[in-house]
Protein backbone atom coordinates (compact mmCIF):
# COMPACT_ATOMS: atom_id res chain seq x y z
CA MET A 1 31.78 186.28 -38.12
CA GLN A 2 33.21 187.13 -41.54
CA SER A 3 31.31 190.43 -41.55
CA PHE A 4 33.11 191.47 -38.35
CA THR A 5 36.42 190.71 -40.03
CA GLY A 6 35.37 192.89 -42.96
CA ILE A 7 34.42 195.74 -40.65
CA ARG A 8 37.79 195.47 -38.86
CA ALA A 9 39.62 195.51 -42.21
CA LEU A 10 37.63 198.52 -43.34
CA ARG A 11 38.72 200.44 -40.26
CA MET A 12 42.36 199.34 -40.48
CA LEU A 13 43.09 200.13 -44.13
CA ASP A 14 43.06 203.57 -45.74
CA ASP A 15 42.13 204.09 -49.39
CA ASP A 16 45.76 204.51 -50.46
CA GLU A 17 47.09 201.38 -48.74
CA ILE A 18 48.02 198.13 -50.46
CA ALA A 19 47.66 194.73 -48.81
CA LEU A 20 50.26 191.97 -49.23
CA CYS A 21 49.35 188.29 -49.08
CA ALA A 22 52.41 186.01 -48.81
CA SER A 23 50.52 182.91 -47.61
CA PRO A 24 49.87 179.99 -49.95
CA MET A 25 46.43 180.27 -51.56
CA PHE A 26 45.50 176.72 -50.48
CA HIS A 27 45.87 177.71 -46.82
CA ILE A 28 42.89 178.98 -44.83
CA GLY A 29 45.01 181.86 -43.54
CA ALA A 30 45.32 183.30 -47.04
CA ILE A 31 41.64 182.88 -47.78
CA GLY A 32 40.68 184.45 -44.45
CA TYR A 33 43.01 187.35 -45.16
CA LEU A 34 41.92 187.94 -48.76
CA ALA A 35 38.16 187.79 -48.24
CA PRO A 36 37.92 191.07 -46.28
CA THR A 37 40.38 192.89 -48.54
CA LEU A 38 38.37 191.89 -51.59
CA LEU A 39 35.15 192.83 -49.81
CA ILE A 40 36.34 196.41 -49.27
CA SER A 41 38.07 196.63 -52.68
CA THR A 42 41.59 197.00 -51.32
CA THR A 43 44.43 196.67 -53.80
CA THR A 44 46.10 193.36 -52.90
CA VAL A 45 49.41 191.94 -54.07
CA ILE A 46 49.51 188.14 -53.97
CA MET A 47 52.99 186.63 -53.74
CA PRO A 48 53.68 183.42 -55.69
CA SER A 49 53.52 180.18 -53.74
CA GLY A 50 56.70 178.26 -53.13
CA GLN A 51 59.72 178.80 -51.00
CA PHE A 52 59.65 182.14 -49.19
CA ASP A 53 62.19 184.61 -50.54
CA ALA A 54 62.79 187.56 -48.21
CA GLU A 55 64.59 189.64 -50.85
CA GLN A 56 61.78 189.20 -53.35
CA THR A 57 59.23 190.14 -50.70
CA LEU A 58 61.14 193.29 -49.76
CA ASP A 59 61.45 194.21 -53.45
CA VAL A 60 57.67 193.90 -53.86
CA ILE A 61 57.04 196.00 -50.76
CA GLU A 62 59.39 198.72 -52.00
CA THR A 63 57.90 198.66 -55.52
CA GLU A 64 54.26 198.76 -54.50
């Protein structure tokens, strides 16, 4: 099943796009999200774990 996720990610992301992972790394959602992006060598920004900060997230999105 993971290969299908990788194929979907490959079709969804262009070479110039950057992925953002704001989920905690101990959560299966983050691992399931990161595996395909790493598989297709997508640049991925991983936000620090802890309390979610909307301003910080928007700053990262604008910067990257």
